[in-house]
Amino acid sequence: MRVLIATAVASVLGSTVAFAGAAVAPGEVKFDNGTVAASLTGVAGDAAEGRVVFANRKLGNCLACHTNTQIPEESFHGQVGPTLDGAAGRWNEAELRGIVSNSKMTFEGTIMPAFYVQSGYFRPIEKFDGVSILTAQQVEDVVAYLMTLK
């Protein structure tokens, strides 16, 4: 009986882990008035990794448009978008997830790129056509980092 219970528990845990690791595809993200309530991965974002993606000029490149005084080691913070200091006080997690995934669902006419889409844009370099800028986990990581900006 104990073996049967242990096997059942292991099976349930294994399926939960497999489900948690399955990312929502970019075309399957559910927006509700610009917000995305559910995690794209089922895995909590890592704020430290999100900070790296945020500052990386070849990934998020958020600093090209936004100021963030929490990253003083990077120069040339942009002033096109709003400062992200205090972002967690202005937007909740679902709003930030929606904005990072596809800001056009929240801010009509914004020039901010959609970071988690695979179509509906022009990519001049063929190898990037049909490829999302960030992965689902990177979106979750950036959202986790933005939630630290009180």
N, C-alpha and C. Protein backbone atom coordinates (compact mmCIF):
# COMPACT_ATOMS: atom_id res chain seq x y z
N MET A 1 0.82 -1.19 0.00
CA MET A 1 0.00 0.00 0.00
C MET A 1 0.87 1.26 0.00
N ARG A 2 1.94 1.27 0.82
CA ARG A 2 2.82 2.43 0.87
C ARG A 2 3.50 2.67 -0.48
N VAL A 3 3.87 1.59 -1.14
CA VAL A 3 4.50 1.71 -2.45
C VAL A 3 3.52 2.32 -3.45
N LEU A 4 2.27 1.88 -3.39
CA LEU A 4 1.23 2.40 -4.28
C LEU A 4 1.01 3.90 -4.04
N ILE A 5 0.94 4.31 -2.79
CA ILE A 5 0.75 5.73 -2.46
C ILE A 5 1.97 6.54 -2.90
N ALA A 6 3.16 6.03 -2.62
CA ALA A 6 4.38 6.74 -3.01
C ALA A 6 4.44 6.88 -4.53
N THR A 7 4.06 5.84 -5.25
CA THR A 7 4.06 5.90 -6.72
C THR A 7 3.05 6.93 -7.21
N ALA A 8 1.87 6.96 -6.60
CA ALA A 8 0.84 7.92 -6.99
C ALA A 8 1.30 9.35 -6.73
N VAL A 9 1.91 9.59 -5.58
CA VAL A 9 2.41 10.92 -5.24
C VAL A 9 3.50 11.33 -6.22
N ALA A 10 4.41 10.44 -6.50
CA ALA A 10 5.50 10.75 -7.45
C ALA A 10 4.95 11.06 -8.83
N SER A 11 3.93 10.33 -9.23
CA SER A 11 3.31 10.57 -10.53
C SER A 11 2.66 11.95 -10.59
N VAL A 12 1.93 12.32 -9.55
CA VAL A 12 1.28 13.63 -9.50
C VAL A 12 2.33 14.74 -9.48
N LEU A 13 3.35 14.60 -8.66
CA LEU A 13 4.40 15.61 -8.60
C LEU A 13 5.12 15.73 -9.92
N GLY A 14 5.38 14.61 -10.55
CA GLY A 14 6.05 14.63 -11.85
C GLY A 14 5.22 15.34 -12.90
N SER A 15 3.93 15.11 -12.92
CA SER A 15 3.08 15.77 -13.90
C SER A 15 2.94 17.25 -13.59
N THR A 16 2.94 17.63 -12.32
CA THR A 16 2.86 19.04 -11.94
C THR A 16 4.11 19.77 -12.38
N VAL A 17 5.27 19.16 -12.19
CA VAL A 17 6.52 19.78 -12.60
C VAL A 17 6.56 19.92 -14.12
N ALA A 18 6.12 18.87 -14.83
CA ALA A 18 6.10 18.95 -16.29
C ALA A 18 5.17 20.06 -16.76
N PHE A 19 3.99 20.18 -16.13
CA PHE A 19 3.05 21.22 -16.49
C PHE A 19 3.62 22.59 -16.17
N ALA A 20 4.24 22.72 -15.01
CA ALA A 20 4.77 24.01 -14.59
C ALA A 20 5.85 24.50 -15.54
N GLY A 21 6.60 23.58 -16.14
CA GLY A 21 7.69 23.96 -17.02
C GLY A 21 7.24 24.25 -18.44
N ALA A 22 6.00 23.97 -18.79
CA ALA A 22 5.51 24.18 -20.14
C ALA A 22 5.13 25.66 -20.31
N ALA A 23 5.80 26.32 -21.24
CA ALA A 23 5.54 27.74 -21.45
C ALA A 23 4.34 27.95 -22.36
N VAL A 24 3.61 29.01 -22.11
CA VAL A 24 2.53 29.43 -23.00
C VAL A 24 3.19 29.98 -24.26
N ALA A 25 2.76 29.52 -25.41
CA ALA A 25 3.31 30.01 -26.67
C ALA A 25 2.91 31.48 -26.87
N PRO A 26 3.74 32.26 -27.55
CA PRO A 26 3.42 33.68 -27.74
C PRO A 26 2.03 33.94 -28.30
N GLY A 27 1.58 33.14 -29.23
CA GLY A 27 0.27 33.34 -29.83
C GLY A 27 -0.88 32.91 -28.94
N GLU A 28 -0.57 32.25 -27.82
CA GLU A 28 -1.60 31.74 -26.91
C GLU A 28 -1.74 32.56 -25.63
N VAL A 29 -0.99 33.65 -25.51
CA VAL A 29 -1.06 34.49 -24.32
C VAL A 29 -2.44 35.12 -24.24
N LYS A 30 -3.06 35.02 -23.08
CA LYS A 30 -4.41 35.55 -22.87
C LYS A 30 -4.33 36.94 -22.22
N PHE A 31 -4.71 37.95 -22.99
CA PHE A 31 -4.73 39.33 -22.51
C PHE A 31 -6.15 39.69 -22.08
N ASP A 32 -6.25 40.42 -20.99
CA ASP A 32 -7.53 40.95 -20.52
C ASP A 32 -7.33 42.43 -20.26
N ASN A 33 -7.77 43.26 -21.18
CA ASN A 33 -7.54 44.71 -21.09
C ASN A 33 -6.06 45.03 -20.90
N GLY A 34 -5.21 44.33 -21.61
CA GLY A 34 -3.77 44.58 -21.56
C GLY A 34 -3.03 43.80 -20.49
N THR A 35 -3.75 43.21 -19.54
CA THR A 35 -3.08 42.47 -18.48
C THR A 35 -2.99 40.99 -18.83
N VAL A 36 -2.00 40.33 -18.24
CA VAL A 36 -1.83 38.88 -18.38
C VAL A 36 -1.70 38.34 -16.96
N ALA A 37 -2.80 37.79 -16.45
CA ALA A 37 -2.86 37.37 -15.06
C ALA A 37 -2.01 36.13 -14.78
N ALA A 38 -2.02 35.17 -15.69
CA ALA A 38 -1.33 33.90 -15.44
C ALA A 38 0.12 33.96 -15.89
N SER A 39 0.96 33.33 -15.12
CA SER A 39 2.37 33.20 -15.47
C SER A 39 2.49 32.53 -16.84
N LEU A 40 3.46 32.93 -17.61
CA LEU A 40 3.69 32.32 -18.92
C LEU A 40 4.37 30.97 -18.81
N THR A 41 4.95 30.69 -17.65
CA THR A 41 5.72 29.45 -17.49
C THR A 41 5.25 28.58 -16.35
N GLY A 42 4.53 29.14 -15.40
CA GLY A 42 4.18 28.40 -14.20
C GLY A 42 5.34 28.35 -13.21
N VAL A 43 6.41 29.02 -13.55
CA VAL A 43 7.61 29.08 -12.71
C VAL A 43 7.83 30.54 -12.31
N ALA A 44 8.09 30.76 -11.06
CA ALA A 44 8.32 32.14 -10.59
C ALA A 44 9.50 32.77 -11.31
N GLY A 45 9.37 34.04 -11.60
CA GLY A 45 10.47 34.76 -12.22
C GLY A 45 11.60 34.97 -11.23
N ASP A 46 12.80 35.09 -11.75
CA ASP A 46 14.01 35.32 -10.97
C ASP A 46 14.41 36.78 -11.17
N ALA A 47 14.24 37.59 -10.13
CA ALA A 47 14.50 39.03 -10.25
C ALA A 47 15.95 39.33 -10.64
N ALA A 48 16.90 38.55 -10.14
CA ALA A 48 18.31 38.78 -10.49
C ALA A 48 18.54 38.53 -11.98
N GLU A 49 17.94 37.48 -12.52
CA GLU A 49 18.05 37.20 -13.95
C GLU A 49 17.31 38.27 -14.75
N GLY A 50 16.18 38.72 -14.23
CA GLY A 50 15.43 39.76 -14.89
C GLY A 50 16.20 41.06 -15.01
N ARG A 51 16.98 41.37 -13.98
CA ARG A 51 17.83 42.57 -14.02
C ARG A 51 18.85 42.46 -15.13
N VAL A 52 19.42 41.26 -15.31
CA VAL A 52 20.40 41.01 -16.37
C VAL A 52 19.76 41.21 -17.74
N VAL A 53 18.58 40.62 -17.94
CA VAL A 53 17.87 40.77 -19.22
C VAL A 53 17.52 42.24 -19.46
N PHE A 54 17.02 42.89 -18.43
CA PHE A 54 16.63 44.30 -18.50
C PHE A 54 17.79 45.16 -19.00
N ALA A 55 18.97 44.93 -18.46
CA ALA A 55 20.13 45.77 -18.77
C ALA A 55 20.87 45.34 -20.03
N ASN A 56 20.67 44.12 -20.48
CA ASN A 56 21.41 43.59 -21.61
C ASN A 56 20.98 44.27 -22.90
N ARG A 57 21.92 44.89 -23.58
CA ARG A 57 21.62 45.65 -24.81
C ARG A 57 21.24 44.73 -25.98
N LYS A 58 21.48 43.42 -25.85
CA LYS A 58 21.12 42.49 -26.93
C LYS A 58 19.87 41.67 -26.60
N LEU A 59 19.31 41.86 -25.43
CA LEU A 59 18.10 41.12 -25.04
C LEU A 59 16.96 42.12 -24.86
N GLY A 60 16.68 42.45 -23.61
CA GLY A 60 15.59 43.38 -23.35
C GLY A 60 15.89 44.77 -23.86
N ASN A 61 17.11 45.21 -23.64
CA ASN A 61 17.54 46.56 -24.03
C ASN A 61 16.59 47.63 -23.50
N CYS A 62 16.03 47.38 -22.34
CA CYS A 62 15.06 48.30 -21.73
C CYS A 62 15.66 49.68 -21.49
N LEU A 63 16.96 49.71 -21.21
CA LEU A 63 17.61 50.99 -20.91
C LEU A 63 17.74 51.89 -22.13
N ALA A 64 17.49 51.38 -23.31
CA ALA A 64 17.52 52.22 -24.50
C ALA A 64 16.43 53.28 -24.44
N CYS A 65 15.33 52.94 -23.77
CA CYS A 65 14.20 53.87 -23.69
C CYS A 65 13.83 54.31 -22.28
N HIS A 66 14.20 53.51 -21.29
CA HIS A 66 13.77 53.78 -19.91
C HIS A 66 14.94 54.07 -18.98
N THR A 67 14.73 54.98 -18.05
CA THR A 67 15.68 55.25 -16.98
C THR A 67 15.38 54.30 -15.82
N ASN A 68 16.44 53.81 -15.20
CA ASN A 68 16.31 52.96 -14.02
C ASN A 68 17.55 53.19 -13.16
N THR A 69 17.41 53.98 -12.12
CA THR A 69 18.56 54.33 -11.29
C THR A 69 19.10 53.15 -10.49
N GLN A 70 18.40 52.02 -10.50
CA GLN A 70 18.89 50.82 -9.81
C GLN A 70 19.97 50.11 -10.61
N ILE A 71 20.27 50.61 -11.81
CA ILE A 71 21.32 50.03 -12.65
C ILE A 71 22.31 51.14 -13.01
N PRO A 72 23.02 51.67 -11.99
CA PRO A 72 23.91 52.80 -12.23
C PRO A 72 25.16 52.44 -13.03
N GLU A 73 25.51 51.15 -13.07
CA GLU A 73 26.71 50.75 -13.79
C GLU A 73 26.55 50.84 -15.31
N GLU A 74 25.32 50.95 -15.78
CA GLU A 74 25.06 51.11 -17.21
C GLU A 74 24.82 52.59 -17.51
N SER A 75 25.46 53.07 -18.55
CA SER A 75 25.28 54.48 -18.92
C SER A 75 24.24 54.60 -20.03
N PHE A 76 23.91 55.80 -20.34
CA PHE A 76 22.99 56.13 -21.44
C PHE A 76 21.61 55.52 -21.27
N HIS A 77 20.98 55.82 -20.15
CA HIS A 77 19.59 55.43 -19.95
C HIS A 77 18.71 56.31 -20.84
N GLY A 78 17.74 55.69 -21.47
CA GLY A 78 16.87 56.41 -22.38
C GLY A 78 15.84 57.26 -21.66
N GLN A 79 15.26 58.18 -22.40
CA GLN A 79 14.23 59.05 -21.85
C GLN A 79 13.00 59.08 -22.75
N VAL A 80 12.87 58.08 -23.61
CA VAL A 80 11.72 58.00 -24.51
C VAL A 80 10.50 57.49 -23.74
N GLY A 81 10.70 56.41 -22.97
CA GLY A 81 9.62 55.84 -22.17
C GLY A 81 9.68 56.38 -20.76
N PRO A 82 8.70 56.02 -19.96
CA PRO A 82 8.69 56.50 -18.57
C PRO A 82 9.82 55.87 -17.76
N THR A 83 10.26 56.58 -16.74
CA THR A 83 11.23 55.99 -15.83
C THR A 83 10.61 54.75 -15.20
N LEU A 84 11.43 53.74 -14.97
CA LEU A 84 10.91 52.53 -14.35
C LEU A 84 11.22 52.47 -12.87
N ASP A 85 11.84 53.52 -12.34
CA ASP A 85 11.95 53.63 -10.89
C ASP A 85 10.53 53.70 -10.34
N GLY A 86 10.21 52.87 -9.39
CA GLY A 86 8.88 52.86 -8.80
C GLY A 86 7.83 52.14 -9.65
N ALA A 87 8.26 51.35 -10.62
CA ALA A 87 7.31 50.66 -11.51
C ALA A 87 6.33 49.79 -10.73
N ALA A 88 6.79 49.12 -9.68
CA ALA A 88 5.91 48.24 -8.91
C ALA A 88 4.84 49.01 -8.15
N GLY A 89 5.04 50.29 -7.96
CA GLY A 89 4.04 51.12 -7.31
C GLY A 89 2.99 51.64 -8.29
N ARG A 90 3.32 51.58 -9.59
CA ARG A 90 2.39 52.08 -10.61
C ARG A 90 1.61 50.97 -11.31
N TRP A 91 2.24 49.81 -11.43
CA TRP A 91 1.61 48.69 -12.12
C TRP A 91 1.71 47.44 -11.27
N ASN A 92 0.70 46.58 -11.35
CA ASN A 92 0.77 45.30 -10.64
C ASN A 92 1.43 44.25 -11.55
N GLU A 93 1.61 43.05 -11.02
CA GLU A 93 2.33 42.01 -11.76
C GLU A 93 1.65 41.65 -13.08
N ALA A 94 0.34 41.53 -13.08
CA ALA A 94 -0.39 41.18 -14.31
C ALA A 94 -0.25 42.28 -15.36
N GLU A 95 -0.28 43.53 -14.92
CA GLU A 95 -0.11 44.64 -15.85
C GLU A 95 1.30 44.65 -16.43
N LEU A 96 2.29 44.45 -15.58
CA LEU A 96 3.68 44.43 -16.06
C LEU A 96 3.91 43.26 -17.02
N ARG A 97 3.34 42.09 -16.72
CA ARG A 97 3.49 40.94 -17.62
C ARG A 97 2.87 41.27 -18.98
N GLY A 98 1.73 41.93 -18.99
CA GLY A 98 1.10 42.33 -20.24
C GLY A 98 1.94 43.34 -21.00
N ILE A 99 2.48 44.32 -20.29
CA ILE A 99 3.29 45.36 -20.93
C ILE A 99 4.56 44.78 -21.52
N VAL A 100 5.24 43.92 -20.78
CA VAL A 100 6.48 43.33 -21.29
C VAL A 100 6.18 42.38 -22.45
N SER A 101 5.13 41.60 -22.34
CA SER A 101 4.79 40.65 -23.41
C SER A 101 4.44 41.38 -24.70
N ASN A 102 3.51 42.31 -24.61
CA ASN A 102 3.08 43.07 -25.78
C ASN A 102 2.45 44.38 -25.33
N SER A 103 3.26 45.40 -25.21
CA SER A 103 2.81 46.69 -24.69
C SER A 103 1.71 47.32 -25.53
N LYS A 104 1.61 46.91 -26.80
CA LYS A 104 0.59 47.47 -27.67
C LYS A 104 -0.82 47.08 -27.24
N MET A 105 -0.93 46.05 -26.41
CA MET A 105 -2.23 45.64 -25.89
C MET A 105 -2.69 46.58 -24.76
N THR A 106 -1.75 47.35 -24.20
CA THR A 106 -2.04 48.29 -23.12
C THR A 106 -2.00 49.74 -23.60
N PHE A 107 -0.97 50.06 -24.37
CA PHE A 107 -0.74 51.42 -24.82
C PHE A 107 -0.83 51.49 -26.34
N GLU A 108 -2.00 51.82 -26.83
CA GLU A 108 -2.20 51.91 -28.27
C GLU A 108 -1.23 52.93 -28.87
N GLY A 109 -0.58 52.55 -29.93
CA GLY A 109 0.33 53.45 -30.63
C GLY A 109 1.71 53.55 -30.03
N THR A 110 2.02 52.80 -28.98
CA THR A 110 3.34 52.87 -28.37
C THR A 110 4.43 52.40 -29.34
N ILE A 111 5.62 52.93 -29.18
CA ILE A 111 6.73 52.46 -30.00
C ILE A 111 7.50 51.33 -29.30
N MET A 112 7.10 51.02 -28.08
CA MET A 112 7.75 49.93 -27.35
C MET A 112 7.51 48.62 -28.10
N PRO A 113 8.56 47.84 -28.32
CA PRO A 113 8.37 46.58 -29.03
C PRO A 113 7.62 45.56 -28.17
N ALA A 114 6.97 44.64 -28.85
CA ALA A 114 6.34 43.51 -28.18
C ALA A 114 7.45 42.46 -27.99
N PHE A 115 7.74 42.11 -26.76
CA PHE A 115 8.86 41.21 -26.49
C PHE A 115 8.50 39.74 -26.53
N TYR A 116 7.20 39.42 -26.54
CA TYR A 116 6.81 38.01 -26.57
C TYR A 116 5.71 37.78 -27.60
N VAL A 117 6.08 37.96 -28.86
CA VAL A 117 5.21 37.66 -30.00
C VAL A 117 6.08 37.01 -31.08
N GLN A 118 5.44 36.28 -31.97
CA GLN A 118 6.18 35.65 -33.07
C GLN A 118 5.71 36.12 -34.44
N SER A 119 4.69 36.96 -34.48
CA SER A 119 4.20 37.43 -35.77
C SER A 119 3.59 38.82 -35.61
N GLY A 120 3.28 39.43 -36.74
CA GLY A 120 2.65 40.74 -36.70
C GLY A 120 3.64 41.89 -36.69
N TYR A 121 4.86 41.65 -37.06
CA TYR A 121 5.88 42.68 -37.10
C TYR A 121 6.81 42.41 -38.27
N PHE A 122 7.64 43.37 -38.62
CA PHE A 122 8.61 43.22 -39.70
C PHE A 122 9.98 43.02 -39.07
N ARG A 123 10.67 41.98 -39.48
CA ARG A 123 12.03 41.73 -39.03
C ARG A 123 12.96 41.76 -40.24
N PRO A 124 13.84 42.74 -40.34
CA PRO A 124 14.71 42.86 -41.51
C PRO A 124 15.76 41.75 -41.62
N ILE A 125 16.07 41.08 -40.54
CA ILE A 125 17.06 40.00 -40.57
C ILE A 125 16.29 38.68 -40.55
N GLU A 126 16.42 37.92 -41.62
CA GLU A 126 15.62 36.72 -41.83
C GLU A 126 15.70 35.72 -40.67
N LYS A 127 16.86 35.55 -40.06
CA LYS A 127 16.98 34.55 -38.99
C LYS A 127 16.13 34.89 -37.77
N PHE A 128 15.68 36.15 -37.64
CA PHE A 128 14.85 36.55 -36.51
C PHE A 128 13.36 36.53 -36.84
N ASP A 129 13.00 36.31 -38.12
CA ASP A 129 11.60 36.29 -38.52
C ASP A 129 10.88 35.14 -37.81
N GLY A 130 9.78 35.44 -37.17
CA GLY A 130 9.01 34.42 -36.46
C GLY A 130 9.58 34.03 -35.10
N VAL A 131 10.54 34.80 -34.60
CA VAL A 131 11.18 34.50 -33.32
C VAL A 131 10.85 35.59 -32.32
N SER A 132 10.42 35.20 -31.14
CA SER A 132 10.13 36.15 -30.07
C SER A 132 11.44 36.76 -29.57
N ILE A 133 11.41 38.02 -29.18
CA ILE A 133 12.61 38.68 -28.66
C ILE A 133 13.06 38.02 -27.36
N LEU A 134 12.12 37.80 -26.45
CA LEU A 134 12.42 37.15 -25.17
C LEU A 134 11.70 35.82 -25.08
N THR A 135 12.23 34.92 -24.25
CA THR A 135 11.53 33.68 -23.96
C THR A 135 10.47 33.96 -22.90
N ALA A 136 9.59 33.01 -22.71
CA ALA A 136 8.56 33.16 -21.68
C ALA A 136 9.20 33.33 -20.30
N GLN A 137 10.26 32.57 -20.02
CA GLN A 137 10.91 32.69 -18.71
C GLN A 137 11.61 34.03 -18.56
N GLN A 138 12.18 34.55 -19.63
CA GLN A 138 12.81 35.87 -19.55
C GLN A 138 11.76 36.95 -19.27
N VAL A 139 10.58 36.81 -19.84
CA VAL A 139 9.49 37.75 -19.53
C VAL A 139 9.17 37.68 -18.04
N GLU A 140 9.02 36.46 -17.52
CA GLU A 140 8.73 36.29 -16.09
C GLU A 140 9.84 36.87 -15.23
N ASP A 141 11.09 36.69 -15.65
CA ASP A 141 12.23 37.22 -14.90
C ASP A 141 12.22 38.75 -14.89
N VAL A 142 11.96 39.36 -16.04
CA VAL A 142 11.91 40.83 -16.12
C VAL A 142 10.76 41.36 -15.25
N VAL A 143 9.63 40.68 -15.30
CA VAL A 143 8.49 41.10 -14.46
C VAL A 143 8.87 41.00 -12.98
N ALA A 144 9.54 39.91 -12.59
CA ALA A 144 9.98 39.76 -11.20
C ALA A 144 10.92 40.90 -10.81
N TYR A 145 11.83 41.28 -11.72
CA TYR A 145 12.73 42.40 -11.44
C TYR A 145 11.95 43.71 -11.31
N LEU A 146 11.04 43.95 -12.25
CA LEU A 146 10.26 45.20 -12.17
C LEU A 146 9.45 45.28 -10.89
N MET A 147 9.01 44.14 -10.38
CA MET A 147 8.24 44.12 -9.12
C MET A 147 9.11 44.49 -7.91
N THR A 148 10.43 44.49 -8.07
CA THR A 148 11.30 44.92 -6.98
C THR A 148 11.48 46.43 -6.97
N LEU A 149 11.07 47.10 -8.04
CA LEU A 149 11.26 48.55 -8.15
C LEU A 149 10.10 49.27 -7.50
N LYS A 150 10.22 49.43 -6.18
CA LYS A 150 9.14 50.03 -5.39
C LYS A 150 9.23 51.52 -5.50
